[in-house]
Amino acid sequence: MVKNSFSRLIVYMLALLALVLSVFAAQNSVPTGPDTFQVGNSTYYTGGLNGTYIQAEAGNITNLVVAELTATRSWAGYYGNVTGTIVLNDGLNNTLYNWQLTSPNGEIYASNGSDVSWSLIKCVNYTGNMTGLADLYEPFNLTSLERFFGINETNQDGINETFNDTFNGNGLMVGQEPINQSQKCPMLYTFVDEAYQTVSFKEVLLHDNKSIIFASILNDSLDGFKADDEPMDFQMLVAEDGHVGAEATLTPYYFFVELA
């Protein structure tokens, strides 16, 4: 997918990417009213800081069915579109000819390190041996990765509960390194029309022995997670420690794009 020492690997900072960034949910730091509150046959859709008002009546026993949406403290989300151009340039970056990619194929990467060693790319192994790599800045198995992002092993939105599928494709090239089914890369599918699906918007979990790399495989203007059918080329999750006491430890991510 990438030839001549990554001549097609385009490194974009966020300010240069044509991205629409969206954090899927803000963090709640105080209790809020439930999103759904059912009393008998009546359902209240409420929420917010003021709670839900229910009149107590002496001598009565009332069945309450409570549903609440709780914002994740472990993940942030990005989505958007990617455009690109194949160029024939000289050593001074003068263009002799170019080809506009109307339907770009490839990947977009988010790394928590700016200096990625693309020749060392490999899949995260949840049960891998961390001998010699036990530092929190080298979180490459499930235990150390969750520890790095402040995730408790009992959390329902942990790493393996989120990347709970396995990449079963062939031909995914990250730089010059092939990623295939035999490597058992942890993978997830992000939602389409606010619902789980297993067709598009795949994301795999990689590392290069020093950085965690979230890799979202590009799609061609498909219907995404929104219910309004807005077309997008990618959707991705990145881990972030937003747990209590961790508000000041925002994770910087460096974005890279690789086009075919």
C-alpha atoms as a PDB file:
ATOM      1  CA  MET A   1       0.000   0.000   0.000  1.00  0.00           C
ATOM      2  CA  VAL A   2       2.933   2.277   0.687  1.00  0.00           C
ATOM      3  CA  LYS A   3       6.012   2.233  -1.542  1.00  0.00           C
ATOM      4  CA  ASN A   4       9.316   4.071  -1.792  1.00  0.00           C
ATOM      5  CA  SER A   5       9.795   4.514   1.952  1.00  0.00           C
ATOM      6  CA  PHE A   6       6.271   5.672   2.696  1.00  0.00           C
ATOM      7  CA  SER A   7       5.975   8.137  -0.171  1.00  0.00           C
ATOM      8  CA  ARG A   8       2.222   7.889   0.229  1.00  0.00           C
ATOM      9  CA  LEU A   9       2.221   8.160   4.013  1.00  0.00           C
ATOM     10  CA  ILE A  10       0.849  11.634   4.705  1.00  0.00           C
ATOM     11  CA  VAL A  11       1.233  12.954   8.213  1.00  0.00           C
ATOM     12  CA  TYR A  12      -1.513  15.358   9.212  1.00  0.00           C
ATOM     13  CA  MET A  13      -1.788  17.277  12.423  1.00  0.00           C
ATOM     14  CA  LEU A  14      -5.369  17.829  13.543  1.00  0.00           C
ATOM     15  CA  ALA A  15      -5.333  21.435  12.370  1.00  0.00           C
ATOM     16  CA  LEU A  16      -4.646  20.256   8.804  1.00  0.00           C
ATOM     17  CA  LEU A  17      -7.038  17.318   8.683  1.00  0.00           C
ATOM     18  CA  ALA A  18     -10.481  17.717   7.190  1.00  0.00           C
ATOM     19  CA  LEU A  19     -11.952  16.093  10.267  1.00  0.00           C
ATOM     20  CA  VAL A  20     -15.122  16.651  12.156  1.00  0.00           C
ATOM     21  CA  LEU A  21     -14.159  15.917  15.744  1.00  0.00           C
ATOM     22  CA  SER A  22     -16.738  14.804  18.201  1.00  0.00           C
ATOM     23  CA  VAL A  23     -16.286  13.571  21.747  1.00  0.00           C
ATOM     24  CA  PHE A  24     -19.161  11.095  21.986  1.00  0.00           C
ATOM     25  CA  ALA A  25     -20.118  12.054  25.540  1.00  0.00           C
ATOM     26  CA  ALA A  26     -19.068  14.633  28.104  1.00  0.00           C
ATOM     27  CA  GLN A  27     -17.989  13.459  31.508  1.00  0.00           C
ATOM     28  CA  ASN A  28     -20.414  13.657  34.414  1.00  0.00           C
ATOM     29  CA  SER A  29     -18.726  14.784  37.613  1.00  0.00           C
ATOM     30  CA  VAL A  30     -21.869  14.854  39.785  1.00  0.00           C
ATOM     31  CA  PRO A  31     -25.014  12.695  39.948  1.00  0.00           C
ATOM     32  CA  THR A  32     -27.744  13.561  37.453  1.00  0.00           C
ATOM     33  CA  GLY A  33     -31.380  12.634  37.001  1.00  0.00           C
ATOM     34  CA  PRO A  34     -31.976   9.357  35.137  1.00  0.00           C
ATOM     35  CA  ASP A  35     -32.706   9.523  31.416  1.00  0.00           C
ATOM     36  CA  THR A  36     -35.760   7.291  31.748  1.00  0.00           C
ATOM     37  CA  PHE A  37     -37.915   6.895  34.850  1.00  0.00           C
ATOM     38  CA  GLN A  38     -40.993   4.649  34.755  1.00  0.00           C
ATOM     39  CA  VAL A  39     -43.696   4.816  37.414  1.00  0.00           C
ATOM     40  CA  GLY A  40     -46.397   2.224  36.829  1.00  0.00           C
ATOM     41  CA  ASN A  41     -47.555   2.788  33.238  1.00  0.00           C
ATOM     42  CA  SER A  42     -46.121   6.308  32.976  1.00  0.00           C
ATOM     43  CA  THR A  43     -42.617   7.008  31.673  1.00  0.00           C
ATOM     44  CA  TYR A  44     -40.748  10.251  32.305  1.00  0.00           C
ATOM     45  CA  TYR A  45     -37.856  11.246  30.023  1.00  0.00           C
ATOM     46  CA  THR A  46     -35.809  13.555  32.148  1.00  0.00           C
ATOM     47  CA  GLY A  47     -32.178  13.777  33.201  1.00  0.00           C
ATOM     48  CA  GLY A  48     -30.106  16.770  34.216  1.00  0.00           C
ATOM     49  CA  LEU A  49     -28.916  18.065  37.549  1.00  0.00           C
ATOM     50  CA  ASN A  50     -32.340  18.607  39.116  1.00  0.00           C
ATOM     51  CA  GLY A  51     -33.309  14.947  39.359  1.00  0.00           C
ATOM     52  CA  THR A  52     -36.735  13.482  38.669  1.00  0.00           C
ATOM     53  CA  TYR A  53     -39.744  14.511  40.745  1.00  0.00           C
ATOM     54  CA  ILE A  54     -42.012  11.698  41.991  1.00  0.00           C
ATOM     55  CA  GLN A  55     -44.736  12.340  44.551  1.00  0.00           C
ATOM     56  CA  ALA A  56     -44.518  10.012  47.578  1.00  0.00           C
ATOM     57  CA  GLU A  57     -47.866   8.912  49.024  1.00  0.00           C
ATOM     58  CA  ALA A  58     -48.154   7.328  52.451  1.00  0.00           C
ATOM     59  CA  GLY A  59     -49.311   3.712  52.422  1.00  0.00           C
ATOM     60  CA  ASN A  60     -48.306   3.124  48.764  1.00  0.00           C
ATOM     61  CA  ILE A  61     -45.560   0.875  47.384  1.00  0.00           C
ATOM     62  CA  THR A  62     -44.450   1.984  43.911  1.00  0.00           C
ATOM     63  CA  ASN A  63     -42.471  -0.041  41.378  1.00  0.00           C
ATOM     64  CA  LEU A  64     -39.772   2.123  39.719  1.00  0.00           C
ATOM     65  CA  VAL A  65     -37.958   1.072  36.534  1.00  0.00           C
ATOM     66  CA  VAL A  66     -34.916   3.324  36.133  1.00  0.00           C
ATOM     67  CA  ALA A  67     -32.702   3.595  33.054  1.00  0.00           C
ATOM     68  CA  GLU A  68     -29.657   5.857  32.887  1.00  0.00           C
ATOM     69  CA  LEU A  69     -27.054   6.636  30.237  1.00  0.00           C
ATOM     70  CA  THR A  70     -23.605   7.053  31.786  1.00  0.00           C
ATOM     71  CA  ALA A  71     -20.848   8.738  29.789  1.00  0.00           C
ATOM     72  CA  THR A  72     -17.706   6.652  29.357  1.00  0.00           C
ATOM     73  CA  ARG A  73     -14.627   7.821  31.217  1.00  0.00           C
ATOM     74  CA  SER A  74     -12.293   5.648  29.134  1.00  0.00           C
ATOM     75  CA  TRP A  75     -12.856   6.629  25.504  1.00  0.00           C
ATOM     76  CA  ALA A  76     -13.085   9.586  23.139  1.00  0.00           C
ATOM     77  CA  GLY A  77     -14.362   9.455  19.553  1.00  0.00           C
ATOM     78  CA  TYR A  78     -13.428  10.947  16.181  1.00  0.00           C
ATOM     79  CA  TYR A  79     -15.088  10.778  12.799  1.00  0.00           C
ATOM     80  CA  GLY A  80     -14.869  12.543   9.458  1.00  0.00           C
ATOM     81  CA  ASN A  81     -13.772  12.424   5.849  1.00  0.00           C
ATOM     82  CA  VAL A  82     -10.398  12.139   4.133  1.00  0.00           C
ATOM     83  CA  THR A  83      -9.289  13.402   0.731  1.00  0.00           C
ATOM     84  CA  GLY A  84      -5.948  12.784  -0.925  1.00  0.00           C
ATOM     85  CA  THR A  85      -3.770  13.079  -4.000  1.00  0.00           C
ATOM     86  CA  ILE A  86      -1.151  10.823  -5.601  1.00  0.00           C
ATOM     87  CA  VAL A  87       1.705  12.992  -6.828  1.00  0.00           C
ATOM     88  CA  LEU A  88       4.768  12.691  -9.069  1.00  0.00           C
ATOM     89  CA  ASN A  89       7.199  15.114  -7.453  1.00  0.00           C
ATOM     90  CA  ASP A  90      10.905  15.837  -7.665  1.00  0.00           C
ATOM     91  CA  GLY A  91      13.268  16.118  -4.723  1.00  0.00           C
ATOM     92  CA  LEU A  92      12.198  19.740  -4.114  1.00  0.00           C
ATOM     93  CA  ASN A  93       8.504  18.769  -4.036  1.00  0.00           C
ATOM     94  CA  ASN A  94       7.723  20.297  -7.426  1.00  0.00           C
ATOM     95  CA  THR A  95       4.773  18.475  -9.005  1.00  0.00           C
ATOM     96  CA  LEU A  96       5.033  17.133 -12.534  1.00  0.00           C
ATOM     97  CA  TYR A  97       1.615  15.445 -12.362  1.00  0.00           C
ATOM     98  CA  ASN A  98      -0.972  14.358  -9.816  1.00  0.00           C
ATOM     99  CA  TRP A  99      -4.033  12.141  -9.522  1.00  0.00           C
ATOM    100  CA  GLN A 100      -6.925  13.113  -7.274  1.00  0.00           C
ATOM    101  CA  LEU A 101      -8.237  10.242  -5.160  1.00  0.00           C
ATOM    102  CA  THR A 102     -12.006  10.481  -5.325  1.00  0.00           C
ATOM    103  CA  SER A 103     -12.474   7.304  -3.270  1.00  0.00           C
ATOM    104  CA  PRO A 104      -9.384   6.950  -1.087  1.00  0.00           C
ATOM    105  CA  ASN A 105      -8.533   3.581   0.425  1.00  0.00           C
ATOM    106  CA  GLY A 106      -6.237   3.159   3.378  1.00  0.00           C
ATOM    107  CA  GLU A 107      -6.165   3.875   7.073  1.00  0.00           C
ATOM    108  CA  ILE A 108      -6.153   6.732   9.534  1.00  0.00           C
ATOM    109  CA  TYR A 109      -4.064   6.272  12.666  1.00  0.00           C
ATOM    110  CA  ALA A 110      -4.114   7.917  16.080  1.00  0.00           C
ATOM    111  CA  SER A 111      -0.954   7.363  18.123  1.00  0.00           C
ATOM    112  CA  ASN A 112      -0.142   8.548  21.629  1.00  0.00           C
ATOM    113  CA  GLY A 113       3.449   9.013  20.443  1.00  0.00           C
ATOM    114  CA  SER A 114       4.611  11.356  17.683  1.00  0.00           C
ATOM    115  CA  ASP A 115       7.580   9.293  16.493  1.00  0.00           C
ATOM    116  CA  VAL A 116       6.095   6.022  15.260  1.00  0.00           C
ATOM    117  CA  SER A 117       8.455   3.247  14.145  1.00  0.00           C
ATOM    118  CA  TRP A 118       6.330   1.950  11.276  1.00  0.00           C
ATOM    119  CA  SER A 119       8.699  -0.961  10.593  1.00  0.00           C
ATOM    120  CA  LEU A 120       8.015  -2.318  14.100  1.00  0.00           C
ATOM    121  CA  ILE A 121       4.210  -2.289  13.881  1.00  0.00           C
ATOM    122  CA  LYS A 122       2.445  -5.275  15.399  1.00  0.00           C
ATOM    123  CA  CYS A 123      -0.928  -6.146  16.893  1.00  0.00           C
ATOM    124  CA  VAL A 124      -1.564  -5.740  20.597  1.00  0.00           C
ATOM    125  CA  ASN A 125      -1.542  -9.145  22.290  1.00  0.00           C
ATOM    126  CA  TYR A 126      -3.805  -9.079  25.341  1.00  0.00           C
ATOM    127  CA  THR A 127      -1.918 -11.973  26.963  1.00  0.00           C
ATOM    128  CA  GLY A 128       1.567 -11.007  25.754  1.00  0.00           C
ATOM    129  CA  ASN A 129       4.664 -11.333  27.930  1.00  0.00           C
ATOM    130  CA  MET A 130       5.680  -7.930  29.246  1.00  0.00           C
ATOM    131  CA  THR A 131       9.204  -8.965  30.312  1.00  0.00           C
ATOM    132  CA  GLY A 132      11.397  -5.928  29.807  1.00  0.00           C
ATOM    133  CA  LEU A 133       8.407  -3.808  28.802  1.00  0.00           C
ATOM    134  CA  ALA A 134       6.626  -3.371  32.116  1.00  0.00           C
ATOM    135  CA  ASP A 135       6.933   0.417  32.194  1.00  0.00           C
ATOM    136  CA  LEU A 136       3.583   2.225  32.131  1.00  0.00           C
ATOM    137  CA  TYR A 137       4.779   4.111  29.078  1.00  0.00           C
ATOM    138  CA  GLU A 138       5.004   0.843  27.148  1.00  0.00           C
ATOM    139  CA  PRO A 139       1.501  -0.604  27.680  1.00  0.00           C
ATOM    140  CA  PHE A 140       1.302  -3.497  25.223  1.00  0.00           C
ATOM    141  CA  ASN A 141      -0.742  -6.216  26.887  1.00  0.00           C
ATOM    142  CA  LEU A 142      -4.217  -5.940  28.373  1.00  0.00           C
ATOM    143  CA  THR A 143      -3.124  -5.497  31.992  1.00  0.00           C
ATOM    144  CA  SER A 144      -0.593  -2.755  31.386  1.00  0.00           C
ATOM    145  CA  LEU A 145      -2.713  -1.051  28.741  1.00  0.00           C
ATOM    146  CA  GLU A 146      -5.699  -0.726  31.059  1.00  0.00           C
ATOM    147  CA  ARG A 147      -3.459   0.386  33.909  1.00  0.00           C
ATOM    148  CA  PHE A 148      -1.988   3.094  31.702  1.00  0.00           C
ATOM    149  CA  PHE A 149      -5.439   4.515  30.921  1.00  0.00           C
ATOM    150  CA  GLY A 150      -6.767   4.158  34.468  1.00  0.00           C
ATOM    151  CA  ILE A 151      -9.224   1.391  33.577  1.00  0.00           C
ATOM    152  CA  ASN A 152     -10.208  -1.091  36.273  1.00  0.00           C
ATOM    153  CA  GLU A 153     -10.412  -4.711  35.143  1.00  0.00           C
ATOM    154  CA  THR A 154     -14.053  -4.798  36.299  1.00  0.00           C
ATOM    155  CA  ASN A 155     -15.081  -1.792  34.167  1.00  0.00           C
ATOM    156  CA  GLN A 156     -17.643  -2.645  31.508  1.00  0.00           C
ATOM    157  CA  ASP A 157     -16.036  -0.186  29.050  1.00  0.00           C
ATOM    158  CA  GLY A 158     -12.524  -1.642  29.314  1.00  0.00           C
ATOM    159  CA  ILE A 159     -10.091  -2.318  26.468  1.00  0.00           C
ATOM    160  CA  ASN A 160     -11.059  -5.939  25.787  1.00  0.00           C
ATOM    161  CA  GLU A 161     -14.771  -5.243  26.328  1.00  0.00           C
ATOM    162  CA  THR A 162     -14.503  -2.588  23.597  1.00  0.00           C
ATOM    163  CA  PHE A 163     -12.024  -4.177  21.182  1.00  0.00           C
ATOM    164  CA  ASN A 164     -13.869  -7.470  21.579  1.00  0.00           C
ATOM    165  CA  ASP A 165     -13.568  -8.811  18.041  1.00  0.00           C
ATOM    166  CA  THR A 166     -10.611 -10.133  16.007  1.00  0.00           C
ATOM    167  CA  PHE A 167      -9.421  -8.828  12.640  1.00  0.00           C
ATOM    168  CA  ASN A 168     -10.105 -11.538  10.075  1.00  0.00           C
ATOM    169  CA  GLY A 169      -9.152  -9.732   6.893  1.00  0.00           C
ATOM    170  CA  ASN A 170      -6.160  -9.945   4.610  1.00  0.00           C
ATOM    171  CA  GLY A 171      -4.101  -7.380   2.800  1.00  0.00           C
ATOM    172  CA  LEU A 172      -4.054  -4.649   5.433  1.00  0.00           C
ATOM    173  CA  MET A 173      -0.650  -2.999   5.073  1.00  0.00           C
ATOM    174  CA  VAL A 174       0.686  -0.601   7.674  1.00  0.00           C
ATOM    175  CA  GLY A 175       3.696   0.903   5.989  1.00  0.00           C
ATOM    176  CA  GLN A 176       5.553  -2.148   4.752  1.00  0.00           C
ATOM    177  CA  GLU A 177       4.169  -4.409   7.488  1.00  0.00           C
ATOM    178  CA  PRO A 178       1.288  -6.761   6.597  1.00  0.00           C
ATOM    179  CA  ILE A 179      -1.490  -7.252   9.144  1.00  0.00           C
ATOM    180  CA  ASN A 180      -3.442 -10.454   8.563  1.00  0.00           C
ATOM    181  CA  GLN A 181      -5.809 -12.871  10.236  1.00  0.00           C
ATOM    182  CA  SER A 182      -3.068 -14.983  11.828  1.00  0.00           C
ATOM    183  CA  GLN A 183      -1.928 -12.088  14.027  1.00  0.00           C
ATOM    184  CA  LYS A 184      -5.305 -11.952  15.813  1.00  0.00           C
ATOM    185  CA  CYS A 185      -5.454  -8.170  16.038  1.00  0.00           C
ATOM    186  CA  PRO A 186      -8.023  -6.871  18.544  1.00  0.00           C
ATOM    187  CA  MET A 187     -10.742  -5.128  16.538  1.00  0.00           C
ATOM    188  CA  LEU A 188     -14.045  -3.323  16.939  1.00  0.00           C
ATOM    189  CA  TYR A 189     -16.860  -2.148  14.686  1.00  0.00           C
ATOM    190  CA  THR A 190     -18.198   1.309  15.495  1.00  0.00           C
ATOM    191  CA  PHE A 191     -21.940   1.826  15.217  1.00  0.00           C
ATOM    192  CA  VAL A 192     -23.999   2.680  12.112  1.00  0.00           C
ATOM    193  CA  ASP A 193     -27.312   4.482  12.652  1.00  0.00           C
ATOM    194  CA  GLU A 194     -26.683   4.240  16.402  1.00  0.00           C
ATOM    195  CA  ALA A 195     -26.682   0.431  16.287  1.00  0.00           C
ATOM    196  CA  TYR A 196     -24.095  -2.354  16.418  1.00  0.00           C
ATOM    197  CA  GLN A 197     -23.079  -3.810  13.050  1.00  0.00           C
ATOM    198  CA  THR A 198     -20.303  -5.994  11.608  1.00  0.00           C
ATOM    199  CA  VAL A 199     -19.796  -4.714   8.072  1.00  0.00           C
ATOM    200  CA  SER A 200     -18.027  -1.345   8.004  1.00  0.00           C
ATOM    201  CA  PHE A 201     -15.929   1.041  10.114  1.00  0.00           C
ATOM    202  CA  LYS A 202     -13.389  -1.463  11.433  1.00  0.00           C
ATOM    203  CA  GLU A 203     -10.696  -0.365  13.872  1.00  0.00           C
ATOM    204  CA  VAL A 204      -7.704  -2.401  15.046  1.00  0.00           C
ATOM    205  CA  LEU A 205      -5.326  -1.998  17.985  1.00  0.00           C
ATOM    206  CA  LEU A 206      -1.594  -1.792  17.187  1.00  0.00           C
ATOM    207  CA  HIS A 207       1.712  -0.769  18.774  1.00  0.00           C
ATOM    208  CA  ASP A 208       5.336  -0.197  17.772  1.00  0.00           C
ATOM    209  CA  ASN A 209       7.002  -1.102  21.105  1.00  0.00           C
ATOM    210  CA  LYS A 210       6.685   2.465  22.371  1.00  0.00           C
ATOM    211  CA  SER A 211       3.275   3.877  21.325  1.00  0.00           C
ATOM    212  CA  ILE A 212      -0.306   2.658  21.237  1.00  0.00           C
ATOM    213  CA  ILE A 213      -1.798   3.116  17.761  1.00  0.00           C
ATOM    214  CA  PHE A 214      -5.516   3.048  16.986  1.00  0.00           C
ATOM    215  CA  ALA A 215      -5.989   2.233  13.290  1.00  0.00           C
ATOM    216  CA  SER A 216      -9.316   2.908  11.565  1.00  0.00           C
ATOM    217  CA  ILE A 217      -9.761   1.377   8.107  1.00  0.00           C
ATOM    218  CA  LEU A 218     -11.145   3.956   5.674  1.00  0.00           C
ATOM    219  CA  ASN A 219     -14.547   3.580   4.037  1.00  0.00           C
ATOM    220  CA  ASP A 220     -15.923   5.469   1.059  1.00  0.00           C
ATOM    221  CA  SER A 221     -18.560   7.965   2.252  1.00  0.00           C
ATOM    222  CA  LEU A 222     -20.758   5.481   4.088  1.00  0.00           C
ATOM    223  CA  ASP A 223     -23.655   6.114   6.406  1.00  0.00           C
ATOM    224  CA  GLY A 224     -22.137   6.471   9.861  1.00  0.00           C
ATOM    225  CA  PHE A 225     -23.167   6.432  13.498  1.00  0.00           C
ATOM    226  CA  LYS A 226     -25.558   9.376  13.175  1.00  0.00           C
ATOM    227  CA  ALA A 227     -29.217   8.822  12.429  1.00  0.00           C
ATOM    228  CA  ASP A 228     -29.219  11.621   9.807  1.00  0.00           C
ATOM    229  CA  ASP A 229     -27.324   9.531   7.188  1.00  0.00           C
ATOM    230  CA  GLU A 230     -24.349  11.902   7.114  1.00  0.00           C
ATOM    231  CA  PRO A 231     -21.691  10.206   4.915  1.00  0.00           C
ATOM    232  CA  MET A 232     -18.257   9.710   6.433  1.00  0.00           C
ATOM    233  CA  ASP A 233     -15.012   7.913   5.639  1.00  0.00           C
ATOM    234  CA  PHE A 234     -13.965   6.902   9.136  1.00  0.00           C
ATOM    235  CA  GLN A 235     -15.066   6.547  12.732  1.00  0.00           C
ATOM    236  CA  MET A 236     -12.707   5.700  15.553  1.00  0.00           C
ATOM    237  CA  LEU A 237     -12.347   5.399  19.299  1.00  0.00           C
ATOM    238  CA  VAL A 238      -9.202   6.275  21.238  1.00  0.00           C
ATOM    239  CA  ALA A 239      -8.558   5.450  24.877  1.00  0.00           C
ATOM    240  CA  GLU A 240      -8.402   8.329  27.353  1.00  0.00           C
ATOM    241  CA  ASP A 241      -8.134   8.429  31.148  1.00  0.00           C
ATOM    242  CA  GLY A 242     -11.085  10.567  32.226  1.00  0.00           C
ATOM    243  CA  HIS A 243     -11.635   8.871  35.571  1.00  0.00           C
ATOM    244  CA  VAL A 244     -12.035  10.707  38.845  1.00  0.00           C
ATOM    245  CA  GLY A 245      -8.813  12.517  39.681  1.00  0.00           C
ATOM    246  CA  ALA A 246      -7.488  12.198  36.129  1.00  0.00           C
ATOM    247  CA  GLU A 247      -9.035  15.317  34.580  1.00  0.00           C
ATOM    248  CA  ALA A 248      -5.616  16.941  34.173  1.00  0.00           C
ATOM    249  CA  THR A 249      -4.062  13.963  32.337  1.00  0.00           C
ATOM    250  CA  LEU A 250      -5.452  14.596  28.859  1.00  0.00           C
ATOM    251  CA  THR A 251      -3.866  12.323  26.268  1.00  0.00           C
ATOM    252  CA  PRO A 252      -2.337  13.981  23.170  1.00  0.00           C
ATOM    253  CA  TYR A 253      -2.885  11.975  19.988  1.00  0.00           C
ATOM    254  CA  TYR A 254      -0.939  12.324  16.752  1.00  0.00           C
ATOM    255  CA  PHE A 255      -2.857  11.548  13.573  1.00  0.00           C
ATOM    256  CA  PHE A 256      -1.414   9.889  10.474  1.00  0.00           C
ATOM    257  CA  VAL A 257      -3.066   8.933   7.185  1.00  0.00           C
ATOM    258  CA  GLU A 258      -1.972   6.236   4.761  1.00  0.00           C
ATOM    259  CA  LEU A 259      -3.654   6.246   1.353  1.00  0.00           C
ATOM    260  CA  ALA A 260      -3.618   3.708  -1.455  1.00  0.00           C
END
